[in-house]
Amino acid sequence: MNQIRNPHLGRAAVSAMQDLLARIESGEFSLGQQLPSERELANLLGVARNTLRAALQQLESDGFLTRQIGRGTFVAQIPNRSSGSFLSRRMRNASPADLMEVRLIIEPHVAALAASRGSNEDIDRIQIALRTSLSARGLAEFEHWDAELHLAIFHATKNALLVDYCDAINAIRNEPSWYRLKKRTVSTDTRTLYDQQHSAIVQAIADRDPETAQKLMTQHMSSIRDNMLGVLG
């Protein structure tokens, strides 16, 4: 995703921009489509109205949006993810061991940041993703909501580069080879373990306990690594 660099923007505004750009790229808001009202959009993105206005102003300056007086704000350009695709390609070519090593380094710190920086709306989004993942039927549905849960935690960091990293990880998770590997590693017992670990991580984030969130995410990533590498031998 295009990186917008404006030192005068706060983390919440940058996160709102990244969220809105992701929704545009996914097709939720198509080229030429009018965006919802400021009130609706602020609620959707989980930010204050003044934060949203700063994000919209920057996106207009960067050419992604156009405002028409008396009519509203419209999508003017679709984001280009060429830089993100390079990161995805590098990760796709990495071994499972290398990929999990990177995840073990990064994601525990992400959980800690989410606990210290996440807004109430961020926490709500994380908890919704957790509840949906817990009720998921079958591996495909669980994988989808597992990815959404981790993405919601990344969004709570208010760090656009970390969100791009998570997007790259999730792109790999959609690869057939990765799904086949998960089918070999996710049993009823491991699914129960992952559900318990997810619940504990989300509780620590909701409790605003960065140290515990980091520790629990380390344990979760270690479990995934050990299960995966154990199958690979």
C-alpha atoms as a PDB file:
ATOM      1  CA  MET A   1       0.000   0.000   0.000  1.00  0.00           C
ATOM      2  CA  ASN A   2       1.168   3.501  -0.723  1.00  0.00           C
ATOM      3  CA  GLN A   3       2.881   4.966   2.315  1.00  0.00           C
ATOM      4  CA  ILE A   4       1.741   8.455   3.221  1.00  0.00           C
ATOM      5  CA  ARG A   5       4.373  10.273   5.198  1.00  0.00           C
ATOM      6  CA  ASN A   6       3.289  13.462   6.932  1.00  0.00           C
ATOM      7  CA  PRO A   7       5.078  14.181  10.201  1.00  0.00           C
ATOM      8  CA  HIS A   8       2.232  16.435  11.329  1.00  0.00           C
ATOM      9  CA  LEU A   9      -0.321  13.614  11.346  1.00  0.00           C
ATOM     10  CA  GLY A  10      -0.942  11.602  14.500  1.00  0.00           C
ATOM     11  CA  ARG A  11      -0.894   7.817  14.648  1.00  0.00           C
ATOM     12  CA  ALA A  12      -4.694   7.627  14.780  1.00  0.00           C
ATOM     13  CA  ALA A  13      -5.031   9.622  11.551  1.00  0.00           C
ATOM     14  CA  VAL A  14      -2.402   7.496   9.798  1.00  0.00           C
ATOM     15  CA  SER A  15      -4.158   4.333  10.956  1.00  0.00           C
ATOM     16  CA  ALA A  16      -7.493   5.691   9.681  1.00  0.00           C
ATOM     17  CA  MET A  17      -5.904   6.431   6.293  1.00  0.00           C
ATOM     18  CA  GLN A  18      -4.454   2.932   6.037  1.00  0.00           C
ATOM     19  CA  ASP A  19      -7.792   1.406   7.025  1.00  0.00           C
ATOM     20  CA  LEU A  20      -9.702   3.461   4.470  1.00  0.00           C
ATOM     21  CA  LEU A  21      -7.171   2.723   1.714  1.00  0.00           C
ATOM     22  CA  ALA A  22      -7.457  -0.993   2.471  1.00  0.00           C
ATOM     23  CA  ARG A  23     -11.240  -0.764   2.164  1.00  0.00           C
ATOM     24  CA  ILE A  24     -10.898   1.050  -1.166  1.00  0.00           C
ATOM     25  CA  GLU A  25      -8.462  -1.538  -2.471  1.00  0.00           C
ATOM     26  CA  SER A  26     -10.690  -4.422  -1.384  1.00  0.00           C
ATOM     27  CA  GLY A  27     -13.586  -2.955  -3.371  1.00  0.00           C
ATOM     28  CA  GLU A  28     -15.692  -1.982  -0.365  1.00  0.00           C
ATOM     29  CA  PHE A  29     -15.486   1.559  -1.782  1.00  0.00           C
ATOM     30  CA  SER A  30     -15.007   1.517  -5.552  1.00  0.00           C
ATOM     31  CA  LEU A  31     -13.552   4.080  -7.920  1.00  0.00           C
ATOM     32  CA  GLY A  32     -15.934   7.026  -8.220  1.00  0.00           C
ATOM     33  CA  GLN A  33     -18.089   5.926  -5.301  1.00  0.00           C
ATOM     34  CA  GLN A  34     -19.231   8.475  -2.759  1.00  0.00           C
ATOM     35  CA  LEU A  35     -18.014   7.808   0.783  1.00  0.00           C
ATOM     36  CA  PRO A  36     -20.461   7.671   3.711  1.00  0.00           C
ATOM     37  CA  SER A  37     -21.049  10.774   5.821  1.00  0.00           C
ATOM     38  CA  GLU A  38     -18.325  11.853   8.238  1.00  0.00           C
ATOM     39  CA  ARG A  39     -20.336  10.540  11.170  1.00  0.00           C
ATOM     40  CA  GLU A  40     -20.847   7.125   9.550  1.00  0.00           C
ATOM     41  CA  LEU A  41     -17.250   6.907   8.361  1.00  0.00           C
ATOM     42  CA  ALA A  42     -15.848   7.893  11.780  1.00  0.00           C
ATOM     43  CA  ASN A  43     -17.934   5.153  13.404  1.00  0.00           C
ATOM     44  CA  LEU A  44     -16.845   2.632  10.761  1.00  0.00           C
ATOM     45  CA  LEU A  45     -13.140   3.378  11.231  1.00  0.00           C
ATOM     46  CA  GLY A  46     -13.395   3.780  15.000  1.00  0.00           C
ATOM     47  CA  VAL A  47     -11.918   7.298  15.155  1.00  0.00           C
ATOM     48  CA  ALA A  48     -12.964  10.771  16.277  1.00  0.00           C
ATOM     49  CA  ARG A  49     -14.401  13.187  13.711  1.00  0.00           C
ATOM     50  CA  ASN A  50     -11.392  15.535  13.863  1.00  0.00           C
ATOM     51  CA  THR A  51      -9.046  12.560  13.308  1.00  0.00           C
ATOM     52  CA  LEU A  52     -11.125  11.482  10.330  1.00  0.00           C
ATOM     53  CA  ARG A  53     -11.035  14.984   8.822  1.00  0.00           C
ATOM     54  CA  ALA A  54      -7.228  15.037   9.051  1.00  0.00           C
ATOM     55  CA  ALA A  55      -7.067  11.635   7.345  1.00  0.00           C
ATOM     56  CA  LEU A  56      -9.485  12.660   4.582  1.00  0.00           C
ATOM     57  CA  GLN A  57      -7.599  15.901   3.956  1.00  0.00           C
ATOM     58  CA  GLN A  58      -4.314  14.016   3.528  1.00  0.00           C
ATOM     59  CA  LEU A  59      -5.908  11.411   1.262  1.00  0.00           C
ATOM     60  CA  GLU A  60      -7.339  14.207  -0.864  1.00  0.00           C
ATOM     61  CA  SER A  61      -3.888  15.825  -1.091  1.00  0.00           C
ATOM     62  CA  ASP A  62      -2.425  12.492  -2.176  1.00  0.00           C
ATOM     63  CA  GLY A  63      -5.045  12.128  -4.900  1.00  0.00           C
ATOM     64  CA  PHE A  64      -6.971   9.167  -3.498  1.00  0.00           C
ATOM     65  CA  LEU A  65     -10.102  11.200  -2.765  1.00  0.00           C
ATOM     66  CA  THR A  66     -11.840  14.184  -4.290  1.00  0.00           C
ATOM     67  CA  ARG A  67     -14.291  16.457  -2.492  1.00  0.00           C
ATOM     68  CA  GLN A  68     -17.136  18.101  -4.347  1.00  0.00           C
ATOM     69  CA  ILE A  69     -18.809  21.005  -2.554  1.00  0.00           C
ATOM     70  CA  GLY A  70     -22.433  20.259  -1.860  1.00  0.00           C
ATOM     71  CA  ARG A  71     -22.128  16.646  -2.999  1.00  0.00           C
ATOM     72  CA  GLY A  72     -19.598  14.843  -0.798  1.00  0.00           C
ATOM     73  CA  THR A  73     -16.299  12.944  -0.940  1.00  0.00           C
ATOM     74  CA  PHE A  74     -15.577  10.443  -3.707  1.00  0.00           C
ATOM     75  CA  VAL A  75     -12.920   7.794  -4.405  1.00  0.00           C
ATOM     76  CA  ALA A  76     -10.559   9.180  -7.055  1.00  0.00           C
ATOM     77  CA  GLN A  77      -7.787   6.578  -7.189  1.00  0.00           C
ATOM     78  CA  ILE A  78      -7.203   2.931  -6.240  1.00  0.00           C
ATOM     79  CA  PRO A  79      -4.102   2.314  -4.064  1.00  0.00           C
ATOM     80  CA  ASN A  80      -1.084   0.617  -5.630  1.00  0.00           C
ATOM     81  CA  ARG A  81       0.362  -2.140  -3.457  1.00  0.00           C
ATOM     82  CA  SER A  82       3.544  -2.741  -5.443  1.00  0.00           C
ATOM     83  CA  SER A  83       5.766  -2.128  -2.423  1.00  0.00           C
ATOM     84  CA  GLY A  84       3.639  -4.438  -0.299  1.00  0.00           C
ATOM     85  CA  SER A  85       3.739  -7.134  -2.972  1.00  0.00           C
ATOM     86  CA  PHE A  86       7.557  -7.089  -2.828  1.00  0.00           C
ATOM     87  CA  LEU A  87       7.389  -7.799   0.881  1.00  0.00           C
ATOM     88  CA  SER A  88       4.891 -10.596   0.218  1.00  0.00           C
ATOM     89  CA  ARG A  89       7.177 -12.108  -2.420  1.00  0.00           C
ATOM     90  CA  ARG A  90      10.154 -12.082  -0.052  1.00  0.00           C
ATOM     91  CA  MET A  91       8.094 -13.729   2.669  1.00  0.00           C
ATOM     92  CA  ARG A  92       6.605 -16.242   0.228  1.00  0.00           C
ATOM     93  CA  ASN A  93      10.098 -17.388  -0.716  1.00  0.00           C
ATOM     94  CA  ALA A  94      11.180 -17.743   2.909  1.00  0.00           C
ATOM     95  CA  SER A  95      11.148 -21.080   4.713  1.00  0.00           C
ATOM     96  CA  PRO A  96       8.444 -21.717   7.331  1.00  0.00           C
ATOM     97  CA  ALA A  97      11.172 -21.677   9.991  1.00  0.00           C
ATOM     98  CA  ASP A  98      12.432 -18.248   8.886  1.00  0.00           C
ATOM     99  CA  LEU A  99       8.910 -16.863   8.649  1.00  0.00           C
ATOM    100  CA  MET A 100       7.983 -18.044  12.123  1.00  0.00           C
ATOM    101  CA  GLU A 101      11.239 -16.662  13.506  1.00  0.00           C
ATOM    102  CA  VAL A 102      10.275 -13.224  12.198  1.00  0.00           C
ATOM    103  CA  ARG A 103       6.747 -13.557  13.573  1.00  0.00           C
ATOM    104  CA  LEU A 104       8.155 -14.495  16.981  1.00  0.00           C
ATOM    105  CA  ILE A 105      10.292 -11.360  16.980  1.00  0.00           C
ATOM    106  CA  ILE A 106       7.578  -8.940  15.844  1.00  0.00           C
ATOM    107  CA  GLU A 107       4.158 -10.086  16.988  1.00  0.00           C
ATOM    108  CA  PRO A 108       4.696 -10.213  20.771  1.00  0.00           C
ATOM    109  CA  HIS A 109       5.741  -6.549  20.622  1.00  0.00           C
ATOM    110  CA  VAL A 110       2.671  -5.823  18.504  1.00  0.00           C
ATOM    111  CA  ALA A 111       0.445  -7.300  21.219  1.00  0.00           C
ATOM    112  CA  ALA A 112       2.136  -5.065  23.785  1.00  0.00           C
ATOM    113  CA  LEU A 113       1.632  -1.985  21.609  1.00  0.00           C
ATOM    114  CA  ALA A 114      -2.014  -2.884  21.066  1.00  0.00           C
ATOM    115  CA  ALA A 115      -2.527  -3.100  24.823  1.00  0.00           C
ATOM    116  CA  SER A 116      -0.971   0.321  25.387  1.00  0.00           C
ATOM    117  CA  ARG A 117      -2.209   2.208  22.302  1.00  0.00           C
ATOM    118  CA  GLY A 118      -5.475   0.609  21.226  1.00  0.00           C
ATOM    119  CA  SER A 119      -8.637   2.698  21.470  1.00  0.00           C
ATOM    120  CA  ASN A 120     -11.874   1.351  22.901  1.00  0.00           C
ATOM    121  CA  GLU A 121     -13.068   0.892  19.321  1.00  0.00           C
ATOM    122  CA  ASP A 122      -9.915  -1.108  18.526  1.00  0.00           C
ATOM    123  CA  ILE A 123     -10.556  -3.353  21.521  1.00  0.00           C
ATOM    124  CA  ASP A 124     -14.157  -3.867  20.391  1.00  0.00           C
ATOM    125  CA  ARG A 125     -12.957  -4.875  16.923  1.00  0.00           C
ATOM    126  CA  ILE A 126     -10.435  -7.322  18.394  1.00  0.00           C
ATOM    127  CA  GLN A 127     -13.061  -8.874  20.653  1.00  0.00           C
ATOM    128  CA  ILE A 128     -15.541  -9.265  17.778  1.00  0.00           C
ATOM    129  CA  ALA A 129     -12.881 -11.030  15.695  1.00  0.00           C
ATOM    130  CA  LEU A 130     -12.088 -13.284  18.651  1.00  0.00           C
ATOM    131  CA  ARG A 131     -15.726 -14.262  19.223  1.00  0.00           C
ATOM    132  CA  THR A 132     -16.206 -15.027  15.547  1.00  0.00           C
ATOM    133  CA  SER A 133     -13.024 -17.115  15.397  1.00  0.00           C
ATOM    134  CA  LEU A 134     -14.115 -19.101  18.456  1.00  0.00           C
ATOM    135  CA  SER A 135     -17.389 -20.028  16.753  1.00  0.00           C
ATOM    136  CA  ALA A 136     -15.798 -20.758  13.353  1.00  0.00           C
ATOM    137  CA  ARG A 137     -16.703 -24.068  11.762  1.00  0.00           C
ATOM    138  CA  GLY A 138     -13.961 -25.825   9.879  1.00  0.00           C
ATOM    139  CA  LEU A 139     -10.382 -24.873   9.135  1.00  0.00           C
ATOM    140  CA  ALA A 140     -11.088 -22.406   6.311  1.00  0.00           C
ATOM    141  CA  GLU A 141     -13.424 -20.294   8.426  1.00  0.00           C
ATOM    142  CA  PHE A 142     -11.101 -20.483  11.410  1.00  0.00           C
ATOM    143  CA  GLU A 143      -8.108 -19.454   9.282  1.00  0.00           C
ATOM    144  CA  HIS A 144     -10.013 -16.433   7.957  1.00  0.00           C
ATOM    145  CA  TRP A 145     -11.017 -15.168  11.399  1.00  0.00           C
ATOM    146  CA  ASP A 146      -7.650 -16.052  12.905  1.00  0.00           C
ATOM    147  CA  ALA A 147      -6.094 -13.743  10.305  1.00  0.00           C
ATOM    148  CA  GLU A 148      -8.726 -11.060  10.997  1.00  0.00           C
ATOM    149  CA  LEU A 149      -7.998 -11.264  14.722  1.00  0.00           C
ATOM    150  CA  HIS A 150      -4.279 -10.770  14.242  1.00  0.00           C
ATOM    151  CA  LEU A 151      -4.952  -7.929  11.775  1.00  0.00           C
ATOM    152  CA  ALA A 152      -7.230  -6.196  14.286  1.00  0.00           C
ATOM    153  CA  ILE A 153      -4.444  -6.402  16.871  1.00  0.00           C
ATOM    154  CA  PHE A 154      -2.002  -4.882  14.375  1.00  0.00           C
ATOM    155  CA  HIS A 155      -4.416  -2.030  13.603  1.00  0.00           C
ATOM    156  CA  ALA A 156      -4.564  -1.234  17.315  1.00  0.00           C
ATOM    157  CA  THR A 157      -0.832  -0.380  17.268  1.00  0.00           C
ATOM    158  CA  LYS A 158      -1.578   2.718  15.133  1.00  0.00           C
ATOM    159  CA  ASN A 159       1.548   1.873  13.114  1.00  0.00           C
ATOM    160  CA  ALA A 160       0.969   1.758   9.351  1.00  0.00           C
ATOM    161  CA  LEU A 161       4.171  -0.166   8.592  1.00  0.00           C
ATOM    162  CA  LEU A 162       3.216  -2.913  11.011  1.00  0.00           C
ATOM    163  CA  VAL A 163      -0.211  -3.149   9.374  1.00  0.00           C
ATOM    164  CA  ASP A 164       1.504  -3.569   5.989  1.00  0.00           C
ATOM    165  CA  TYR A 165       3.608  -6.370   7.478  1.00  0.00           C
ATOM    166  CA  CYS A 166       0.448  -8.112   8.689  1.00  0.00           C
ATOM    167  CA  ASP A 167      -1.153  -7.681   5.252  1.00  0.00           C
ATOM    168  CA  ALA A 168       1.861  -9.436   3.736  1.00  0.00           C
ATOM    169  CA  ILE A 169       1.610 -12.283   6.257  1.00  0.00           C
ATOM    170  CA  ASN A 170      -2.100 -12.693   5.554  1.00  0.00           C
ATOM    171  CA  ALA A 171      -1.454 -12.795   1.814  1.00  0.00           C
ATOM    172  CA  ILE A 172       0.833 -15.773   2.400  1.00  0.00           C
ATOM    173  CA  ARG A 173      -1.773 -17.456   4.596  1.00  0.00           C
ATOM    174  CA  ASN A 174      -4.107 -17.441   1.583  1.00  0.00           C
ATOM    175  CA  GLU A 175      -1.613 -19.409  -0.494  1.00  0.00           C
ATOM    176  CA  PRO A 176      -2.667 -23.044  -1.208  1.00  0.00           C
ATOM    177  CA  SER A 177       0.660 -24.383   0.066  1.00  0.00           C
ATOM    178  CA  TRP A 178       0.253 -22.574   3.407  1.00  0.00           C
ATOM    179  CA  TYR A 179      -3.325 -23.841   3.758  1.00  0.00           C
ATOM    180  CA  ARG A 180      -2.200 -27.414   3.103  1.00  0.00           C
ATOM    181  CA  LEU A 181       0.442 -27.016   5.796  1.00  0.00           C
ATOM    182  CA  LYS A 182      -2.127 -25.689   8.254  1.00  0.00           C
ATOM    183  CA  LYS A 183      -4.376 -28.687   7.518  1.00  0.00           C
ATOM    184  CA  ARG A 184      -1.527 -30.926   8.647  1.00  0.00           C
ATOM    185  CA  THR A 185      -0.882 -28.957  11.845  1.00  0.00           C
ATOM    186  CA  VAL A 186      -4.318 -27.865  13.116  1.00  0.00           C
ATOM    187  CA  SER A 187      -6.026 -30.727  14.913  1.00  0.00           C
ATOM    188  CA  THR A 188      -8.919 -30.566  17.372  1.00  0.00           C
ATOM    189  CA  ASP A 189      -6.423 -30.311  20.220  1.00  0.00           C
ATOM    190  CA  THR A 190      -4.333 -27.558  18.621  1.00  0.00           C
ATOM    191  CA  ARG A 191      -7.479 -25.631  17.664  1.00  0.00           C
ATOM    192  CA  THR A 192      -8.578 -25.773  21.316  1.00  0.00           C
ATOM    193  CA  LEU A 193      -5.124 -24.586  22.396  1.00  0.00           C
ATOM    194  CA  TYR A 194      -5.123 -21.703  19.889  1.00  0.00           C
ATOM    195  CA  ASP A 195      -8.612 -20.648  20.991  1.00  0.00           C
ATOM    196  CA  GLN A 196      -7.476 -20.572  24.611  1.00  0.00           C
ATOM    197  CA  GLN A 197      -4.331 -18.634  23.745  1.00  0.00           C
ATOM    198  CA  HIS A 198      -6.251 -16.125  21.617  1.00  0.00           C
ATOM    199  CA  SER A 199      -8.747 -15.559  24.427  1.00  0.00           C
ATOM    200  CA  ALA A 200      -5.976 -14.929  26.952  1.00  0.00           C
ATOM    201  CA  ILE A 201      -4.138 -12.536  24.620  1.00  0.00           C
ATOM    202  CA  VAL A 202      -7.285 -10.524  23.914  1.00  0.00           C
ATOM    203  CA  GLN A 203      -8.092 -10.351  27.626  1.00  0.00           C
ATOM    204  CA  ALA A 204      -4.617  -8.980  28.371  1.00  0.00           C
ATOM    205  CA  ILE A 205      -5.000  -6.375  25.623  1.00  0.00           C
ATOM    206  CA  ALA A 206      -8.446  -5.391  26.935  1.00  0.00           C
ATOM    207  CA  ASP A 207      -6.954  -5.150  30.437  1.00  0.00           C
ATOM    208  CA  ARG A 208      -4.302  -2.736  29.068  1.00  0.00           C
ATOM    209  CA  ASP A 209      -1.552  -5.091  30.253  1.00  0.00           C
ATOM    210  CA  PRO A 210       1.289  -4.857  27.688  1.00  0.00           C
ATOM    211  CA  GLU A 211       3.690  -7.140  29.575  1.00  0.00           C
ATOM    212  CA  THR A 212       1.189  -9.989  29.833  1.00  0.00           C
ATOM    213  CA  ALA A 213      -0.009  -9.496  26.257  1.00  0.00           C
ATOM    214  CA  GLN A 214       3.574  -9.744  25.002  1.00  0.00           C
ATOM    215  CA  LYS A 215       4.283 -12.850  27.070  1.00  0.00           C
ATOM    216  CA  LEU A 216       1.095 -14.607  25.932  1.00  0.00           C
ATOM    217  CA  MET A 217       1.684 -13.766  22.272  1.00  0.00           C
ATOM    218  CA  THR A 218       5.209 -15.198  22.555  1.00  0.00           C
ATOM    219  CA  GLN A 219       3.718 -18.427  23.873  1.00  0.00           C
ATOM    220  CA  HIS A 220       1.135 -18.476  21.064  1.00  0.00           C
ATOM    221  CA  MET A 221       3.693 -17.902  18.308  1.00  0.00           C
ATOM    222  CA  SER A 222       5.951 -20.542  19.862  1.00  0.00           C
ATOM    223  CA  SER A 223       3.081 -23.055  19.804  1.00  0.00           C
ATOM    224  CA  ILE A 224       2.410 -22.364  16.121  1.00  0.00           C
ATOM    225  CA  ARG A 225       6.112 -22.685  15.294  1.00  0.00           C
ATOM    226  CA  ASP A 226       6.553 -25.919  17.227  1.00  0.00           C
ATOM    227  CA  ASN A 227       3.459 -27.511  15.678  1.00  0.00           C
ATOM    228  CA  MET A 228       4.424 -26.452  12.185  1.00  0.00           C
ATOM    229  CA  LEU A 229       8.079 -27.430  12.342  1.00  0.00           C
ATOM    230  CA  GLY A 230       7.200 -30.669  14.116  1.00  0.00           C
ATOM    231  CA  VAL A 231       5.095 -31.710  11.122  1.00  0.00           C
ATOM    232  CA  LEU A 232       7.820 -30.680   8.686  1.00  0.00           C
ATOM    233  CA  GLY A 233      10.417 -32.614  10.648  1.00  0.00           C
END
